Amino acid sequence: MAQKIKVGVLGATGMVGQRYIKLLEDHPWFEVTYVAASPRSAGKLYKEAVENRWLIGENIPNAVENLTVEDANLPEKALGKCQFVFSALELPKKDDIKALEAAYAKEGIPVVSNASANRWTEDVPMLVPEINYAHLDVIDAQKKHNGWDKGFIAVKPNCSLQTYMMPLHALIQAGYPVKRMIVTTLQATSGAGYPGVPSFDMIDNIVPFIGGEEEKTEKECLKILGSVKDGKIVNAEYPIVSSTCTRVPVVDGHTACVSLEFDLPDDKKPSLEEIERVWTSYTSLPQKLKLPSAPEHPIVLRHEENRPQPRRDRETEKGMACVIGRLRPCNVFDVKFVALSHNTKRGAALGGILNAELLKVRGFFD
């Protein structure tokens, strides 16, 4: 590209916002030209606003450190400074996030969001680009419904879903529909943001509850697997999911233990060898388009009996792959496996960047 697209980051001082800024440092298509956060950070240089709480472990990008932080509550401040924004907003009330993202869209600024506030808005696509890129078709109806010209909202799902949604979709796409699933997640502490879970609760401990996570795990997959009808996204009926979500003393990398039951007669159910073939051959539109953040191999299978492990496997395909191991028969359902994804890359900022790359090549930023 001769000229990069100028982008903004809302919630730029938080953990996900910082991750966006670092990941976009050398992006071939996008450059950060606008940062916004809470009123207490507004007016400061970015490097001053994150002083003593820059969490990424590398230096703040030179192109961003001297940008002036604007008040994220004032979307008009972004006009002329960026073509679209990544939303990593963190506010006490989801309705406030929903209203603020809509305010940016009303100003003609598309919003590529990590926040959960608009995930259940019927005409907002909740994207995993390998799975439901067809949901982009709902954006025209969204714009018409709201009276927006160039602005719109697209979101990504909860970070824990990235751990098993691609292997699930690969099987369904190959003709092996799944009727029921049991999922137990072991979620990293970075998923709670900063300062996150108190150290006293995490060291030498596991917390067997994360507020709202089980509901997201059980319901969001149905929207992702749904279809666009009459300007809305209609949820799929299956699979029925039962989940238990836990917080474990791992910094990055969500793990999931998954059991699947196929909606097929016994003689039509796939063998373990067939499941491996489906997973290892899985590619989709982001790979065909060679999007910069797309993994060459979205699903990576490991055969060691003790893999995947967060410390060893979360950076596979630059943190964008779903890494699967321990595929075996299940005595209750049909098969079970362990899957891993990087929650702050595929599950958060880099997943959002991949969404933006897909939107860009489909002409939504023109």
Protein backbone atom coordinates (compact mmCIF):
# COMPACT_ATOMS: atom_id res chain seq x y z
CA MET A 1 0.00 0.00 0.00
CA ALA A 2 1.28 3.45 -0.94
CA GLN A 3 -0.32 5.07 2.08
CA LYS A 4 -1.40 3.49 5.33
CA ILE A 5 -4.89 3.89 6.75
CA LYS A 6 -4.97 6.13 9.80
CA VAL A 7 -6.59 4.43 12.81
CA GLY A 8 -7.49 5.34 16.37
CA VAL A 9 -7.56 3.32 19.58
CA LEU A 10 -10.26 3.93 22.19
CA GLY A 11 -9.30 2.82 25.68
CA ALA A 12 -5.71 3.22 24.53
CA THR A 13 -4.20 3.25 28.04
CA GLY A 14 -5.69 -0.09 29.14
CA MET A 15 -4.17 -3.54 28.67
CA VAL A 16 -5.96 -4.36 25.40
CA GLY A 17 -5.45 -0.82 24.11
CA GLN A 18 -1.72 -1.09 24.78
CA ARG A 19 -1.62 -4.42 22.99
CA TYR A 20 -3.31 -2.81 19.96
CA ILE A 21 -0.73 -0.03 19.89
CA LYS A 22 2.20 -2.41 20.07
CA LEU A 23 0.82 -4.85 17.47
CA LEU A 24 0.06 -2.03 15.05
CA GLU A 25 3.59 -0.58 15.31
CA ASP A 26 4.79 -2.10 12.03
CA HIS A 27 1.48 -3.06 10.46
CA PRO A 28 1.65 -2.92 6.64
CA TRP A 29 -1.82 -1.38 6.24
CA PHE A 30 -2.65 0.60 9.40
CA GLU A 31 -0.94 3.28 11.49
CA VAL A 32 -2.08 4.67 14.84
CA THR A 33 -2.67 8.41 14.60
CA TYR A 34 -5.27 8.92 17.35
CA VAL A 35 -5.49 7.69 20.94
CA ALA A 36 -8.32 8.27 23.39
CA ALA A 37 -9.02 7.20 26.94
CA SER A 38 -10.76 8.41 30.11
CA PRO A 39 -11.00 12.12 30.98
CA ARG A 40 -8.24 11.71 33.60
CA SER A 41 -5.78 10.80 30.82
CA ALA A 42 -7.02 13.38 28.32
CA GLY A 43 -4.56 16.14 27.52
CA LYS A 44 -1.49 14.11 28.46
CA LEU A 45 1.07 12.74 26.06
CA TYR A 46 0.49 9.01 25.64
CA LYS A 47 3.82 8.16 27.29
CA GLU A 48 2.78 10.24 30.31
CA ALA A 49 -0.67 8.65 30.49
CA VAL A 50 0.78 5.12 30.69
CA GLU A 51 3.80 5.98 32.81
CA ASN A 52 4.44 3.17 35.33
CA ARG A 53 1.63 1.08 33.83
CA TRP A 54 2.88 0.19 30.36
CA LEU A 55 2.37 -3.58 30.52
CA ILE A 56 3.50 -4.97 27.18
CA GLY A 57 7.16 -5.44 28.12
CA GLU A 58 8.64 -3.55 25.18
CA ASN A 59 9.08 0.14 24.52
CA ILE A 60 6.14 2.30 23.57
CA PRO A 61 6.20 2.79 19.77
CA ASN A 62 7.94 6.03 18.83
CA ALA A 63 5.09 7.10 16.57
CA VAL A 64 2.58 6.92 19.44
CA GLU A 65 4.43 7.97 22.60
CA ASN A 66 4.07 11.70 21.88
CA LEU A 67 0.46 11.62 20.65
CA THR A 68 -1.89 13.63 22.86
CA VAL A 69 -4.54 11.49 24.51
CA GLU A 70 -8.07 12.72 23.80
CA ASP A 71 -11.24 12.17 25.82
CA ALA A 72 -12.86 9.01 24.43
CA ASN A 73 -16.27 10.39 25.42
CA LEU A 74 -15.96 13.02 22.67
CA PRO A 75 -16.14 11.20 19.33
CA GLU A 76 -16.02 14.45 17.36
CA LYS A 77 -12.38 14.79 18.45
CA ALA A 78 -11.51 11.88 16.16
CA LEU A 79 -12.89 13.48 13.02
CA GLY A 80 -10.18 14.05 10.44
CA LYS A 81 -7.57 12.27 12.56
CA CYS A 82 -8.40 8.65 11.75
CA GLN A 83 -10.48 6.63 9.30
CA PHE A 84 -11.75 4.10 11.84
CA VAL A 85 -11.20 3.18 15.48
CA PHE A 86 -10.43 0.05 17.44
CA SER A 87 -12.52 0.01 20.60
CA ALA A 88 -10.93 -1.38 23.76
CA LEU A 89 -13.27 0.64 25.96
CA GLU A 90 -13.69 -0.33 29.60
CA LEU A 91 -16.61 1.37 31.37
CA PRO A 92 -18.63 0.25 34.40
CA LYS A 93 -21.88 -0.02 32.41
CA LYS A 94 -22.14 -1.88 29.10
CA ASP A 95 -24.95 0.42 27.99
CA ASP A 96 -22.51 3.34 28.19
CA ILE A 97 -20.04 1.51 25.94
CA LYS A 98 -22.84 0.63 23.54
CA ALA A 99 -23.98 4.24 23.35
CA LEU A 100 -20.44 5.57 22.92
CA GLU A 101 -19.57 3.16 20.10
CA ALA A 102 -22.84 4.17 18.40
CA ALA A 103 -21.86 7.83 18.79
CA TYR A 104 -18.62 7.20 16.87
CA ALA A 105 -20.52 5.35 14.14
CA LYS A 106 -23.00 8.24 13.93
CA GLU A 107 -20.07 10.59 13.32
CA GLY A 108 -19.09 8.44 10.33
CA ILE A 109 -16.28 6.59 12.09
CA PRO A 110 -16.42 2.77 11.82
CA VAL A 111 -15.82 0.92 15.11
CA VAL A 112 -13.96 -2.40 15.28
CA SER A 113 -14.66 -3.42 18.84
CA ASN A 114 -13.27 -5.74 21.47
CA ALA A 115 -15.94 -4.73 23.97
CA SER A 116 -18.87 -7.04 24.71
CA ALA A 117 -21.57 -4.36 24.76
CA ASN A 118 -22.72 -4.80 21.15
CA ARG A 119 -22.21 -8.56 20.80
CA TRP A 120 -25.93 -9.21 21.11
CA THR A 121 -27.09 -6.35 18.90
CA GLU A 122 -28.97 -8.19 16.14
CA ASP A 123 -27.43 -6.30 13.24
CA VAL A 124 -23.85 -6.16 14.56
CA PRO A 125 -21.59 -8.96 13.26
CA MET A 126 -19.59 -10.83 15.90
CA LEU A 127 -16.67 -11.94 13.77
CA VAL A 128 -14.26 -14.83 13.72
CA PRO A 129 -13.08 -14.18 10.14
CA GLU A 130 -12.40 -17.83 9.31
CA ILE A 131 -15.93 -18.79 10.35
CA ASN A 132 -18.58 -16.16 9.71
CA TYR A 133 -17.19 -13.65 7.21
CA ALA A 134 -20.61 -13.81 5.50
CA HIS A 135 -22.03 -11.90 8.48
CA LEU A 136 -20.48 -8.76 7.00
CA ASP A 137 -23.60 -8.71 4.81
CA VAL A 138 -25.58 -7.37 7.79
CA ILE A 139 -23.60 -4.12 7.96
CA ASP A 140 -25.59 -2.39 5.22
CA ALA A 141 -28.80 -3.14 7.13
CA GLN A 142 -27.18 -1.88 10.34
CA LYS A 143 -26.23 1.41 8.71
CA LYS A 144 -29.68 1.83 7.18
CA HIS A 145 -31.45 0.98 10.43
CA ASN A 146 -29.44 3.58 12.37
CA GLY A 147 -29.30 6.23 9.66
CA TRP A 148 -25.49 6.03 9.51
CA ASP A 149 -23.57 6.92 6.36
CA LYS A 150 -20.01 5.60 6.66
CA GLY A 151 -20.03 4.53 10.28
CA PHE A 152 -20.82 1.02 11.56
CA ILE A 153 -19.92 -1.38 14.37
CA ALA A 154 -18.32 -4.83 14.13
CA VAL A 155 -17.25 -6.80 17.20
CA LYS A 156 -15.22 -9.84 18.11
CA PRO A 157 -16.44 -12.56 20.49
CA ASN A 158 -15.30 -13.40 23.98
CA CYS A 159 -11.64 -14.43 24.14
CA SER A 160 -12.32 -17.93 25.49
CA LEU A 161 -14.37 -18.90 22.41
CA GLN A 162 -11.32 -18.59 20.17
CA THR A 163 -9.98 -21.69 21.89
CA TYR A 164 -12.48 -24.08 20.30
CA MET A 165 -14.62 -22.27 17.69
CA MET A 166 -12.41 -23.00 14.67
CA PRO A 167 -12.14 -26.75 15.35
CA LEU A 168 -15.90 -26.82 15.95
CA HIS A 169 -16.59 -24.95 12.71
CA ALA A 170 -14.18 -27.13 10.75
CA LEU A 171 -16.10 -30.26 11.77
CA ILE A 172 -19.50 -28.74 11.03
CA GLN A 173 -18.31 -27.47 7.65
CA ALA A 174 -16.98 -30.94 6.80
CA GLY A 175 -20.44 -32.45 7.35
CA TYR A 176 -20.12 -33.51 10.99
CA PRO A 177 -22.70 -31.42 12.91
CA VAL A 178 -22.25 -31.21 16.67
CA LYS A 179 -25.29 -31.64 18.90
CA ARG A 180 -23.84 -31.09 22.39
CA MET A 181 -20.61 -29.89 23.97
CA ILE A 182 -19.16 -29.78 27.45
CA VAL A 183 -16.43 -27.14 27.83
CA THR A 184 -14.21 -26.42 30.82
CA THR A 185 -11.98 -23.38 30.37
CA LEU A 186 -8.75 -22.63 32.22
CA GLN A 187 -8.40 -18.90 31.58
CA ALA A 188 -5.28 -16.79 31.97
CA THR A 189 -5.06 -13.90 34.39
CA SER A 190 -4.46 -11.36 31.60
CA GLY A 191 -8.06 -11.94 30.57
CA ALA A 192 -9.11 -10.01 33.67
CA GLY A 193 -7.22 -6.89 32.57
CA TYR A 194 -5.04 -4.80 34.86
CA PRO A 195 -4.71 -4.87 37.83
CA GLY A 196 -7.01 -7.86 37.43
CA VAL A 197 -7.34 -10.67 39.97
CA PRO A 198 -5.51 -10.03 43.28
CA SER A 199 -2.31 -12.04 43.62
CA PHE A 200 -3.55 -13.58 46.88
CA ASP A 201 -6.42 -15.15 44.93
CA MET A 202 -4.23 -16.50 42.11
CA ILE A 203 -0.95 -17.71 43.60
CA ASP A 204 -1.26 -21.37 44.62
CA ASN A 205 -4.92 -21.25 43.65
CA ILE A 206 -7.63 -21.70 41.02
CA VAL A 207 -10.77 -19.55 40.99
CA PRO A 208 -13.74 -21.63 39.75
CA PHE A 209 -15.90 -18.68 38.67
CA ILE A 210 -15.54 -15.78 36.23
CA GLY A 211 -18.54 -13.48 36.14
CA GLY A 212 -20.49 -13.73 32.87
CA GLU A 213 -18.02 -16.07 31.17
CA GLU A 214 -20.16 -19.20 31.23
CA GLU A 215 -23.12 -17.40 29.68
CA LYS A 216 -20.86 -16.03 26.92
CA THR A 217 -19.34 -19.46 26.29
CA GLU A 218 -22.73 -21.11 26.00
CA LYS A 219 -24.45 -18.49 23.83
CA GLU A 220 -21.98 -16.58 21.67
CA CYS A 221 -21.08 -19.63 19.59
CA LEU A 222 -24.70 -19.81 18.40
CA LYS A 223 -24.55 -16.28 16.97
CA ILE A 224 -21.19 -16.95 15.32
CA LEU A 225 -22.62 -20.08 13.67
CA GLY A 226 -25.88 -18.32 12.77
CA SER A 227 -26.97 -16.74 9.48
CA VAL A 228 -28.07 -13.36 8.14
CA LYS A 229 -31.80 -13.10 7.46
CA ASP A 230 -33.85 -9.96 6.83
CA GLY A 231 -31.09 -7.65 8.00
CA LYS A 232 -30.48 -9.50 11.28
CA ILE A 233 -28.28 -12.35 12.48
CA VAL A 234 -30.35 -15.38 13.45
CA ASN A 235 -28.69 -17.74 15.91
CA ALA A 236 -27.98 -21.38 15.13
CA GLU A 237 -29.90 -23.95 17.17
CA TYR A 238 -26.91 -26.17 17.93
CA PRO A 239 -24.68 -27.10 19.59
CA ILE A 240 -26.09 -27.05 23.09
CA VAL A 241 -23.17 -26.08 25.34
CA SER A 242 -22.55 -26.65 29.03
CA SER A 243 -19.54 -24.74 30.34
CA THR A 244 -17.46 -24.24 33.46
CA CYS A 245 -15.06 -21.27 33.35
CA THR A 246 -12.11 -21.03 35.74
CA ARG A 247 -9.24 -18.60 36.31
CA VAL A 248 -5.80 -20.21 36.61
CA PRO A 249 -2.33 -18.82 37.47
CA VAL A 250 -1.17 -18.45 33.86
CA VAL A 251 -0.32 -15.03 32.39
CA ASP A 252 -1.37 -15.56 28.74
CA GLY A 253 -3.13 -18.41 26.98
CA HIS A 254 -6.64 -19.77 27.52
CA THR A 255 -7.01 -23.56 27.59
CA ALA A 256 -10.24 -25.50 27.09
CA CYS A 257 -11.09 -29.13 27.75
CA VAL A 258 -13.85 -30.03 25.28
CA SER A 259 -16.14 -33.05 24.82
CA LEU A 260 -18.29 -33.28 21.67
CA GLU A 261 -21.34 -35.31 20.70
CA PHE A 262 -22.09 -35.47 16.98
CA ASP A 263 -25.62 -35.17 15.65
CA LEU A 264 -25.18 -38.24 13.46
CA PRO A 265 -25.91 -41.97 13.60
CA ASP A 266 -23.00 -44.03 14.88
CA ASP A 267 -22.00 -45.30 11.45
CA LYS A 268 -21.73 -41.73 10.12
CA LYS A 269 -19.62 -40.27 12.91
CA PRO A 270 -16.03 -39.35 12.01
CA SER A 271 -13.07 -41.41 13.15
CA LEU A 272 -10.22 -39.79 15.06
CA GLU A 273 -8.16 -39.98 11.88
CA GLU A 274 -10.88 -38.16 9.93
CA ILE A 275 -11.14 -35.47 12.58
CA GLU A 276 -7.39 -34.91 12.39
CA ARG A 277 -7.62 -34.67 8.59
CA VAL A 278 -10.42 -32.08 8.84
CA TRP A 279 -8.51 -29.97 11.35
CA THR A 280 -5.10 -30.04 9.69
CA SER A 281 -6.55 -29.19 6.26
CA TYR A 282 -8.75 -26.34 7.55
CA THR A 283 -8.30 -22.98 5.85
CA SER A 284 -10.72 -20.20 5.07
CA LEU A 285 -11.10 -16.75 3.53
CA PRO A 286 -8.39 -14.95 5.60
CA GLN A 287 -5.83 -17.49 4.39
CA LYS A 288 -7.04 -17.22 0.79
CA LEU A 289 -6.80 -13.43 0.95
CA LYS A 290 -3.41 -13.63 2.71
CA LEU A 291 -4.46 -11.09 5.30
CA PRO A 292 -1.38 -9.85 7.20
CA SER A 293 -2.50 -11.17 10.60
CA ALA A 294 -4.04 -14.42 9.38
CA PRO A 295 -2.25 -17.62 10.46
CA GLU A 296 -1.14 -19.87 7.63
CA HIS A 297 -2.41 -22.80 9.68
CA PRO A 298 -5.46 -21.74 11.76
CA ILE A 299 -5.55 -25.10 13.54
CA VAL A 300 -2.35 -26.80 14.66
CA LEU A 301 -2.49 -30.36 15.96
CA ARG A 302 0.04 -31.75 18.44
CA HIS A 303 0.48 -35.43 19.23
CA GLU A 304 2.59 -35.29 22.40
CA GLU A 305 0.60 -36.60 25.33
CA ASN A 306 1.30 -33.48 27.42
CA ARG A 307 0.49 -30.73 24.88
CA PRO A 308 -0.74 -28.08 24.31
CA GLN A 309 0.73 -26.00 27.13
CA PRO A 310 0.36 -22.20 27.42
CA ARG A 311 4.06 -21.41 27.90
CA ARG A 312 5.14 -23.64 25.04
CA ASP A 313 2.34 -23.23 22.51
CA ARG A 314 0.52 -19.89 22.89
CA GLU A 315 2.78 -18.12 20.34
CA THR A 316 2.11 -20.68 17.60
CA GLU A 317 1.49 -18.87 14.30
CA LYS A 318 2.35 -15.58 16.06
CA GLY A 319 -0.37 -16.19 18.63
CA MET A 320 -3.15 -16.64 16.07
CA ALA A 321 -3.56 -20.43 15.89
CA CYS A 322 -5.78 -22.77 17.83
CA VAL A 323 -3.46 -25.50 19.12
CA ILE A 324 -5.09 -28.86 19.80
CA GLY A 325 -3.87 -31.98 21.56
CA ARG A 326 -5.07 -35.08 23.40
CA LEU A 327 -7.73 -35.96 20.84
CA ARG A 328 -9.28 -39.20 22.06
CA PRO A 329 -12.60 -41.06 22.48
CA CYS A 330 -15.02 -39.84 25.15
CA ASN A 331 -16.86 -42.36 27.33
CA VAL A 332 -19.87 -40.04 27.69
CA PHE A 333 -19.99 -38.19 24.35
CA ASP A 334 -18.06 -39.09 21.18
CA VAL A 335 -14.65 -37.39 21.34
CA LYS A 336 -12.72 -35.08 23.62
CA PHE A 337 -9.65 -32.88 23.25
CA VAL A 338 -7.66 -30.04 24.81
CA ALA A 339 -7.31 -26.75 22.92
CA LEU A 340 -5.30 -23.57 23.50
CA SER A 341 -5.36 -20.03 22.10
CA HIS A 342 -3.54 -16.80 22.96
CA ASN A 343 -6.19 -14.72 24.70
CA THR A 344 -4.58 -11.29 24.28
CA LYS A 345 -3.60 -11.88 20.64
CA ARG A 346 -6.12 -14.09 18.78
CA GLY A 347 -8.59 -13.54 21.60
CA ALA A 348 -8.22 -9.77 21.80
CA ALA A 349 -6.18 -7.17 19.91
CA LEU A 350 -4.71 -9.23 17.07
CA GLY A 351 -8.08 -10.83 16.50
CA GLY A 352 -9.55 -7.34 16.24
CA ILE A 353 -6.83 -6.34 13.77
CA LEU A 354 -7.65 -9.41 11.66
CA ASN A 355 -11.30 -8.29 11.66
CA ALA A 356 -10.21 -4.86 10.43
CA GLU A 357 -8.06 -6.39 7.70
CA LEU A 358 -11.06 -8.35 6.43
CA LEU A 359 -13.24 -5.24 6.54
CA LYS A 360 -10.59 -3.31 4.64
CA VAL A 361 -10.28 -5.78 1.75
CA ARG A 362 -14.08 -5.99 1.55
CA GLY A 363 -14.22 -2.22 0.98
CA PHE A 364 -15.85 -1.11 4.24
CA PHE A 365 -13.28 1.64 4.85
CA ASP A 366 -13.45 3.15 1.35
